[in-house]
Amino acid sequence: MKRFIYIITDRNRTNLHVGLCADLLKTLEFYSQMPNLFFDNSRQLSRLVYFEEINTEEQAVERFKYVSTFTRPMKEKMIRAVNPDWIDLTVGLNAERSARFARPQMRPAISSNRRAVTV
């Protein structure tokens, strides 16, 4: 089962929180529903700036332990390597999810007015 390692921050980038989850979108929804869970209003964790998708739980736990030991400059370097402008990646994930579920059917409609082709 796939796992995700993520780094989430506040709007001022003062806090960098490393997390591990099985469903990234549900985790981000939890953070948005519980904005004052860890910090006060000015330091709400609301911006996903980095994530990794890992195939096995054992590898994900090992990677999480490793990334959790990083200092702030190490985490910033890791984030800037893939997201130099620190944009919120949640927008892209939500767009991808909505595109996946809103995809039109590719099968042509069967019309009852069709006539058999005769040769």
C-alpha atoms as a PDB file:
ATOM      1  CA  MET A   1       0.000   0.000   0.000  1.00  0.00           C
ATOM      2  CA  LYS A   2       1.309   3.424  -0.910  1.00  0.00           C
ATOM      3  CA  ARG A   3       2.347   5.889   1.770  1.00  0.00           C
ATOM      4  CA  PHE A   4       3.170   9.561   1.585  1.00  0.00           C
ATOM      5  CA  ILE A   5       5.863  11.576   3.326  1.00  0.00           C
ATOM      6  CA  TYR A   6       4.971  15.259   3.304  1.00  0.00           C
ATOM      7  CA  ILE A   7       6.132  18.621   4.576  1.00  0.00           C
ATOM      8  CA  ILE A   8       3.486  21.169   5.429  1.00  0.00           C
ATOM      9  CA  THR A   9       4.091  24.754   6.517  1.00  0.00           C
ATOM     10  CA  ASP A  10       2.275  27.941   7.512  1.00  0.00           C
ATOM     11  CA  ARG A  11       1.839  31.042   5.381  1.00  0.00           C
ATOM     12  CA  ASN A  12       5.018  32.655   6.759  1.00  0.00           C
ATOM     13  CA  ARG A  13       7.111  29.478   6.394  1.00  0.00           C
ATOM     14  CA  THR A  14       8.144  29.603  10.043  1.00  0.00           C
ATOM     15  CA  ASN A  15       7.204  25.990  10.837  1.00  0.00           C
ATOM     16  CA  LEU A  16       8.032  22.933   8.778  1.00  0.00           C
ATOM     17  CA  HIS A  17       6.098  19.837   9.834  1.00  0.00           C
ATOM     18  CA  VAL A  18       7.090  16.416   8.455  1.00  0.00           C
ATOM     19  CA  GLY A  19       4.351  13.800   8.334  1.00  0.00           C
ATOM     20  CA  LEU A  20       3.551  10.302   7.145  1.00  0.00           C
ATOM     21  CA  CYS A  21       0.125   9.202   5.920  1.00  0.00           C
ATOM     22  CA  ALA A  22      -1.702   6.706   3.719  1.00  0.00           C
ATOM     23  CA  ASP A  23      -4.127   9.193   2.140  1.00  0.00           C
ATOM     24  CA  LEU A  24      -2.608  12.594   1.477  1.00  0.00           C
ATOM     25  CA  LEU A  25      -5.837  14.334   0.484  1.00  0.00           C
ATOM     26  CA  LYS A  26      -7.658  13.191   3.645  1.00  0.00           C
ATOM     27  CA  THR A  27      -4.728  14.334   5.769  1.00  0.00           C
ATOM     28  CA  LEU A  28      -4.730  17.770   4.151  1.00  0.00           C
ATOM     29  CA  GLU A  29      -8.491  17.989   4.650  1.00  0.00           C
ATOM     30  CA  PHE A  30      -7.954  17.186   8.338  1.00  0.00           C
ATOM     31  CA  TYR A  31      -5.440  20.026   8.645  1.00  0.00           C
ATOM     32  CA  SER A  32      -7.921  22.435   7.031  1.00  0.00           C
ATOM     33  CA  GLN A  33     -10.756  21.324   9.335  1.00  0.00           C
ATOM     34  CA  MET A  34      -8.624  21.564  12.472  1.00  0.00           C
ATOM     35  CA  PRO A  35      -6.549  24.712  11.827  1.00  0.00           C
ATOM     36  CA  ASN A  36      -5.646  25.408  15.478  1.00  0.00           C
ATOM     37  CA  LEU A  37      -4.718  21.861  16.402  1.00  0.00           C
ATOM     38  CA  PHE A  38      -0.973  22.471  16.705  1.00  0.00           C
ATOM     39  CA  PHE A  39      -0.575  26.246  16.625  1.00  0.00           C
ATOM     40  CA  ASP A  40      -2.492  29.517  16.949  1.00  0.00           C
ATOM     41  CA  ASN A  41      -4.120  31.375  14.037  1.00  0.00           C
ATOM     42  CA  SER A  42      -0.955  33.036  12.767  1.00  0.00           C
ATOM     43  CA  ARG A  43       0.922  29.743  12.414  1.00  0.00           C
ATOM     44  CA  GLN A  44      -1.699  27.396  10.963  1.00  0.00           C
ATOM     45  CA  LEU A  45      -0.235  24.536   8.968  1.00  0.00           C
ATOM     46  CA  SER A  46      -2.019  24.951   5.669  1.00  0.00           C
ATOM     47  CA  ARG A  47       0.466  24.763   2.780  1.00  0.00           C
ATOM     48  CA  LEU A  48       1.739  21.503   1.375  1.00  0.00           C
ATOM     49  CA  VAL A  49       5.185  22.287  -0.014  1.00  0.00           C
ATOM     50  CA  TYR A  50       6.691  18.828  -0.464  1.00  0.00           C
ATOM     51  CA  PHE A  51       5.587  15.207  -0.684  1.00  0.00           C
ATOM     52  CA  GLU A  52       6.950  11.819  -1.715  1.00  0.00           C
ATOM     53  CA  GLU A  53       4.959   8.747  -2.687  1.00  0.00           C
ATOM     54  CA  ILE A  54       6.515   5.531  -1.377  1.00  0.00           C
ATOM     55  CA  ASN A  55       5.316   2.045  -2.313  1.00  0.00           C
ATOM     56  CA  THR A  56       5.842   0.080   0.899  1.00  0.00           C
ATOM     57  CA  GLU A  57       5.093   0.936   4.485  1.00  0.00           C
ATOM     58  CA  GLU A  58       8.510  -0.172   5.737  1.00  0.00           C
ATOM     59  CA  GLN A  59      10.340   2.091   3.296  1.00  0.00           C
ATOM     60  CA  ALA A  60       8.000   4.963   4.141  1.00  0.00           C
ATOM     61  CA  VAL A  61       8.627   4.619   7.876  1.00  0.00           C
ATOM     62  CA  GLU A  62      12.392   4.517   7.315  1.00  0.00           C
ATOM     63  CA  ARG A  63      12.260   7.587   5.047  1.00  0.00           C
ATOM     64  CA  PHE A  64      10.037   9.417   7.557  1.00  0.00           C
ATOM     65  CA  LYS A  65      12.486   8.736  10.369  1.00  0.00           C
ATOM     66  CA  TYR A  66      15.346   9.920   8.187  1.00  0.00           C
ATOM     67  CA  VAL A  67      13.663  13.147   6.999  1.00  0.00           C
ATOM     68  CA  SER A  68      12.447  13.904  10.541  1.00  0.00           C
ATOM     69  CA  THR A  69      16.052  14.170  11.704  1.00  0.00           C
ATOM     70  CA  PHE A  70      16.845  16.866   9.106  1.00  0.00           C
ATOM     71  CA  THR A  71      17.670  20.346  10.273  1.00  0.00           C
ATOM     72  CA  ARG A  72      15.677  23.249   8.885  1.00  0.00           C
ATOM     73  CA  PRO A  73      18.286  24.152   6.222  1.00  0.00           C
ATOM     74  CA  MET A  74      18.306  20.529   5.037  1.00  0.00           C
ATOM     75  CA  LYS A  75      14.501  20.510   4.746  1.00  0.00           C
ATOM     76  CA  GLU A  76      14.548  23.843   2.910  1.00  0.00           C
ATOM     77  CA  LYS A  77      17.114  22.499   0.450  1.00  0.00           C
ATOM     78  CA  MET A  78      14.981  19.412  -0.155  1.00  0.00           C
ATOM     79  CA  ILE A  79      11.856  21.556  -0.731  1.00  0.00           C
ATOM     80  CA  ARG A  80      13.622  24.044  -3.022  1.00  0.00           C
ATOM     81  CA  ALA A  81      14.937  21.210  -5.193  1.00  0.00           C
ATOM     82  CA  VAL A  82      11.393  20.342  -6.319  1.00  0.00           C
ATOM     83  CA  ASN A  83       9.371  23.433  -5.358  1.00  0.00           C
ATOM     84  CA  PRO A  84      11.634  26.509  -5.582  1.00  0.00           C
ATOM     85  CA  ASP A  85       8.787  29.027  -5.142  1.00  0.00           C
ATOM     86  CA  TRP A  86       7.225  27.162  -2.203  1.00  0.00           C
ATOM     87  CA  ILE A  87       3.823  27.102  -3.917  1.00  0.00           C
ATOM     88  CA  ASP A  88       0.961  25.240  -2.264  1.00  0.00           C
ATOM     89  CA  LEU A  89       0.815  21.806  -3.919  1.00  0.00           C
ATOM     90  CA  THR A  90      -2.693  21.162  -2.580  1.00  0.00           C
ATOM     91  CA  VAL A  91      -4.212  23.049  -5.514  1.00  0.00           C
ATOM     92  CA  GLY A  92      -2.619  20.674  -8.015  1.00  0.00           C
ATOM     93  CA  LEU A  93      -3.667  17.589  -6.043  1.00  0.00           C
ATOM     94  CA  ASN A  94      -7.282  18.787  -5.863  1.00  0.00           C
ATOM     95  CA  ALA A  95      -7.303  19.540  -9.595  1.00  0.00           C
ATOM     96  CA  GLU A  96      -5.892  16.097 -10.356  1.00  0.00           C
ATOM     97  CA  ARG A  97      -8.492  14.424  -8.151  1.00  0.00           C
ATOM     98  CA  SER A  98     -11.379  16.332  -9.744  1.00  0.00           C
ATOM     99  CA  ALA A  99     -10.071  15.576 -13.246  1.00  0.00           C
ATOM    100  CA  ARG A 100      -9.847  11.896 -12.394  1.00  0.00           C
ATOM    101  CA  PHE A 101     -13.470  11.721 -11.230  1.00  0.00           C
ATOM    102  CA  ALA A 102     -14.943  14.117 -13.803  1.00  0.00           C
ATOM    103  CA  ARG A 103     -13.501  12.347 -16.823  1.00  0.00           C
ATOM    104  CA  PRO A 104     -16.166  11.734 -19.492  1.00  0.00           C
ATOM    105  CA  GLN A 105     -16.935   8.236 -20.648  1.00  0.00           C
ATOM    106  CA  MET A 106     -14.893   7.286 -23.673  1.00  0.00           C
ATOM    107  CA  ARG A 107     -17.349   4.677 -24.891  1.00  0.00           C
ATOM    108  CA  PRO A 108     -19.574   5.886 -27.760  1.00  0.00           C
ATOM    109  CA  ALA A 109     -23.275   6.041 -27.119  1.00  0.00           C
ATOM    110  CA  ILE A 110     -25.306   3.229 -28.596  1.00  0.00           C
ATOM    111  CA  SER A 111     -28.130   4.551 -30.702  1.00  0.00           C
ATOM    112  CA  SER A 112     -31.354   2.608 -31.059  1.00  0.00           C
ATOM    113  CA  ASN A 113     -31.837   4.046 -34.572  1.00  0.00           C
ATOM    114  CA  ARG A 114     -28.919   2.121 -36.042  1.00  0.00           C
ATOM    115  CA  ARG A 115     -29.539  -0.011 -39.047  1.00  0.00           C
ATOM    116  CA  ALA A 116     -27.631  -3.120 -39.878  1.00  0.00           C
ATOM    117  CA  VAL A 117     -25.091  -2.729 -42.634  1.00  0.00           C
ATOM    118  CA  THR A 118     -25.900  -4.972 -45.616  1.00  0.00           C
ATOM    119  CA  VAL A 119     -23.444  -5.834 -48.322  1.00  0.00           C
END
